[in-house]
Amino acid sequence: MENTSTSLFEILIWAGAAISLVGLVGLVWCIVRVTGAKRAKLGEEEMRAVLQNVLPLNLGALFLSVIGLMMVVVGILLG
């Protein structure tokens, strides 16, 4: 008989993958936002404002990606 129950570590792996994917989407959004601002040839002050708005989101997305990948690694190593 096959055991179809999901282990805690499998849940940890899939949750980590989902969190990493959200972080990756955030990073891609930041890249698209800054690229659009560069193509718009904004002035120095406008570009600085865009970068100041994008930077916290970029760091947050990077943090999510790292935490998600750590969850996946822990799930694999302990599972």
N, C-alpha and C. Protein backbone atom coordinates (compact mmCIF):
# COMPACT_ATOMS: atom_id res chain seq x y z
N MET A 1 0.84 -1.18 0.00
CA MET A 1 0.00 0.00 0.00
C MET A 1 0.89 1.24 0.00
N GLU A 2 0.55 2.19 -0.84
CA GLU A 2 1.37 3.39 -0.98
C GLU A 2 0.99 4.43 0.07
N ASN A 3 2.02 5.04 0.64
CA ASN A 3 1.81 6.08 1.65
C ASN A 3 1.68 7.42 0.92
N THR A 4 0.50 8.02 0.98
CA THR A 4 0.26 9.28 0.27
C THR A 4 0.30 10.49 1.18
N SER A 5 0.65 10.29 2.44
CA SER A 5 0.71 11.44 3.34
C SER A 5 1.91 12.31 2.99
N THR A 6 1.74 13.58 3.19
CA THR A 6 2.79 14.55 2.89
C THR A 6 3.58 14.83 4.16
N SER A 7 4.90 14.72 4.04
CA SER A 7 5.73 14.98 5.21
C SER A 7 5.92 16.48 5.42
N LEU A 8 6.31 16.81 6.62
CA LEU A 8 6.56 18.21 6.97
C LEU A 8 7.66 18.80 6.10
N PHE A 9 8.66 17.98 5.79
CA PHE A 9 9.79 18.48 5.00
C PHE A 9 9.39 18.71 3.55
N GLU A 10 8.47 17.91 3.04
CA GLU A 10 7.99 18.13 1.69
C GLU A 10 7.20 19.43 1.62
N ILE A 11 6.42 19.70 2.63
CA ILE A 11 5.68 20.96 2.71
C ILE A 11 6.67 22.13 2.79
N LEU A 12 7.73 21.96 3.58
CA LEU A 12 8.75 22.99 3.71
C LEU A 12 9.41 23.28 2.36
N ILE A 13 9.69 22.23 1.60
CA ILE A 13 10.32 22.40 0.29
C ILE A 13 9.39 23.17 -0.65
N TRP A 14 8.12 22.76 -0.72
CA TRP A 14 7.20 23.43 -1.63
C TRP A 14 6.89 24.87 -1.20
N ALA A 15 6.79 25.08 0.10
CA ALA A 15 6.57 26.45 0.59
C ALA A 15 7.77 27.33 0.27
N GLY A 16 8.96 26.78 0.46
CA GLY A 16 10.18 27.53 0.13
C GLY A 16 10.27 27.85 -1.35
N ALA A 17 9.87 26.90 -2.19
CA ALA A 17 9.88 27.15 -3.63
C ALA A 17 8.89 28.25 -4.00
N ALA A 18 7.72 28.23 -3.37
CA ALA A 18 6.72 29.27 -3.64
C ALA A 18 7.22 30.64 -3.19
N ILE A 19 7.84 30.70 -2.02
CA ILE A 19 8.37 31.98 -1.52
C ILE A 19 9.48 32.49 -2.43
N SER A 20 10.34 31.58 -2.88
CA SER A 20 11.41 31.97 -3.81
C SER A 20 10.84 32.50 -5.11
N LEU A 21 9.77 31.88 -5.58
CA LEU A 21 9.15 32.32 -6.82
C LEU A 21 8.56 33.73 -6.66
N VAL A 22 7.94 34.00 -5.52
CA VAL A 22 7.42 35.35 -5.25
C VAL A 22 8.57 36.36 -5.24
N GLY A 23 9.68 36.00 -4.61
CA GLY A 23 10.85 36.88 -4.60
C GLY A 23 11.40 37.12 -5.99
N LEU A 24 11.43 36.06 -6.81
CA LEU A 24 11.92 36.19 -8.17
C LEU A 24 11.03 37.11 -9.00
N VAL A 25 9.73 36.98 -8.83
CA VAL A 25 8.79 37.87 -9.52
C VAL A 25 9.04 39.32 -9.09
N GLY A 26 9.28 39.54 -7.81
CA GLY A 26 9.59 40.88 -7.32
C GLY A 26 10.86 41.44 -7.92
N LEU A 27 11.88 40.60 -8.05
CA LEU A 27 13.14 41.05 -8.65
C LEU A 27 12.95 41.41 -10.12
N VAL A 28 12.19 40.59 -10.84
CA VAL A 28 11.92 40.89 -12.25
C VAL A 28 11.13 42.19 -12.37
N TRP A 29 10.17 42.41 -11.46
CA TRP A 29 9.40 43.65 -11.49
C TRP A 29 10.32 44.86 -11.28
N CYS A 30 11.26 44.74 -10.35
CA CYS A 30 12.20 45.84 -10.11
C CYS A 30 13.04 46.12 -11.35
N ILE A 31 13.50 45.07 -12.01
CA ILE A 31 14.29 45.24 -13.23
C ILE A 31 13.47 45.94 -14.30
N VAL A 32 12.23 45.51 -14.48
CA VAL A 32 11.37 46.13 -15.50
C VAL A 32 11.11 47.59 -15.17
N ARG A 33 10.89 47.88 -13.90
CA ARG A 33 10.60 49.27 -13.48
C ARG A 33 11.80 50.19 -13.75
N VAL A 34 12.99 49.74 -13.40
CA VAL A 34 14.18 50.58 -13.59
C VAL A 34 14.51 50.69 -15.08
N THR A 35 14.34 49.62 -15.83
CA THR A 35 14.59 49.67 -17.27
C THR A 35 13.62 50.64 -17.94
N GLY A 36 12.37 50.62 -17.51
CA GLY A 36 11.40 51.57 -18.06
C GLY A 36 11.76 53.01 -17.74
N ALA A 37 12.27 53.22 -16.54
CA ALA A 37 12.69 54.58 -16.17
C ALA A 37 13.90 55.02 -16.99
N LYS A 38 14.82 54.10 -17.27
CA LYS A 38 15.99 54.45 -18.09
C LYS A 38 15.57 54.79 -19.52
N ARG A 39 14.63 54.00 -20.05
CA ARG A 39 14.18 54.24 -21.42
C ARG A 39 13.40 55.54 -21.54
N ALA A 40 12.77 55.97 -20.44
CA ALA A 40 12.02 57.23 -20.46
C ALA A 40 12.95 58.43 -20.41
N LYS A 41 14.23 58.18 -20.20
CA LYS A 41 15.25 59.24 -20.15
C LYS A 41 14.84 60.34 -19.18
N LEU A 42 14.55 59.91 -17.96
CA LEU A 42 14.15 60.86 -16.92
C LEU A 42 15.34 61.71 -16.51
N GLY A 43 15.04 62.84 -15.91
CA GLY A 43 16.09 63.68 -15.36
C GLY A 43 16.70 63.02 -14.13
N GLU A 44 17.75 63.63 -13.65
CA GLU A 44 18.48 63.03 -12.53
C GLU A 44 17.60 62.90 -11.28
N GLU A 45 16.83 63.92 -10.97
CA GLU A 45 15.98 63.88 -9.77
C GLU A 45 14.86 62.85 -9.90
N GLU A 46 14.25 62.79 -11.09
CA GLU A 46 13.19 61.81 -11.29
C GLU A 46 13.73 60.38 -11.22
N MET A 47 14.89 60.17 -11.83
CA MET A 47 15.52 58.84 -11.79
C MET A 47 15.90 58.46 -10.36
N ARG A 48 16.40 59.42 -9.62
CA ARG A 48 16.75 59.18 -8.22
C ARG A 48 15.50 58.78 -7.41
N ALA A 49 14.39 59.45 -7.69
CA ALA A 49 13.13 59.13 -6.99
C ALA A 49 12.65 57.72 -7.33
N VAL A 50 12.76 57.34 -8.60
CA VAL A 50 12.36 55.97 -9.00
C VAL A 50 13.24 54.95 -8.30
N LEU A 51 14.55 55.18 -8.30
CA LEU A 51 15.47 54.24 -7.68
C LEU A 51 15.25 54.15 -6.17
N GLN A 52 14.94 55.28 -5.54
CA GLN A 52 14.67 55.26 -4.10
C GLN A 52 13.40 54.49 -3.78
N ASN A 53 12.42 54.51 -4.68
CA ASN A 53 11.20 53.75 -4.47
C ASN A 53 11.40 52.27 -4.74
N VAL A 54 12.24 51.93 -5.69
CA VAL A 54 12.44 50.54 -6.08
C VAL A 54 13.39 49.81 -5.13
N LEU A 55 14.34 50.52 -4.55
CA LEU A 55 15.37 49.87 -3.74
C LEU A 55 14.81 49.04 -2.58
N PRO A 56 13.89 49.54 -1.76
CA PRO A 56 13.37 48.70 -0.68
C PRO A 56 12.64 47.46 -1.19
N LEU A 57 11.91 47.62 -2.28
CA LEU A 57 11.22 46.47 -2.87
C LEU A 57 12.21 45.45 -3.40
N ASN A 58 13.29 45.93 -3.98
CA ASN A 58 14.34 45.06 -4.49
C ASN A 58 14.97 44.26 -3.35
N LEU A 59 15.29 44.93 -2.27
CA LEU A 59 15.89 44.25 -1.12
C LEU A 59 14.92 43.25 -0.49
N GLY A 60 13.64 43.63 -0.42
CA GLY A 60 12.64 42.72 0.12
C GLY A 60 12.47 41.48 -0.76
N ALA A 61 12.47 41.66 -2.07
CA ALA A 61 12.34 40.54 -2.99
C ALA A 61 13.57 39.63 -2.89
N LEU A 62 14.73 40.22 -2.77
CA LEU A 62 15.95 39.43 -2.61
C LEU A 62 15.92 38.64 -1.30
N PHE A 63 15.43 39.26 -0.25
CA PHE A 63 15.29 38.59 1.04
C PHE A 63 14.34 37.40 0.93
N LEU A 64 13.20 37.59 0.27
CA LEU A 64 12.25 36.49 0.09
C LEU A 64 12.87 35.35 -0.69
N SER A 65 13.62 35.67 -1.73
CA SER A 65 14.26 34.63 -2.52
C SER A 65 15.25 33.83 -1.69
N VAL A 66 16.03 34.52 -0.90
CA VAL A 66 17.05 33.84 -0.08
C VAL A 66 16.38 32.98 0.99
N ILE A 67 15.36 33.51 1.66
CA ILE A 67 14.66 32.74 2.69
C ILE A 67 14.01 31.51 2.08
N GLY A 68 13.38 31.66 0.92
CA GLY A 68 12.76 30.53 0.24
C GLY A 68 13.77 29.46 -0.13
N LEU A 69 14.91 29.88 -0.66
CA LEU A 69 15.94 28.91 -1.02
C LEU A 69 16.50 28.21 0.21
N MET A 70 16.63 28.95 1.31
CA MET A 70 17.09 28.32 2.56
C MET A 70 16.08 27.29 3.04
N MET A 71 14.79 27.58 2.89
CA MET A 71 13.76 26.62 3.29
C MET A 71 13.85 25.35 2.45
N VAL A 72 14.08 25.52 1.15
CA VAL A 72 14.20 24.36 0.27
C VAL A 72 15.40 23.51 0.67
N VAL A 73 16.54 24.14 0.90
CA VAL A 73 17.74 23.40 1.28
C VAL A 73 17.55 22.67 2.61
N VAL A 74 16.97 23.32 3.59
CA VAL A 74 16.72 22.69 4.88
C VAL A 74 15.76 21.51 4.71
N GLY A 75 14.72 21.70 3.91
CA GLY A 75 13.78 20.61 3.68
C GLY A 75 14.43 19.42 3.01
N ILE A 76 15.32 19.67 2.06
CA ILE A 76 16.01 18.58 1.37
C ILE A 76 16.99 17.87 2.32
N LEU A 77 17.76 18.66 3.06
CA LEU A 77 18.77 18.06 3.94
C LEU A 77 18.15 17.26 5.07
N LEU A 78 17.06 17.74 5.63
CA LEU A 78 16.45 17.06 6.78
C LEU A 78 15.42 16.00 6.36
N GLY A 79 14.94 16.08 5.12
CA GLY A 79 13.91 15.15 4.66
C GLY A 79 14.51 13.93 4.15
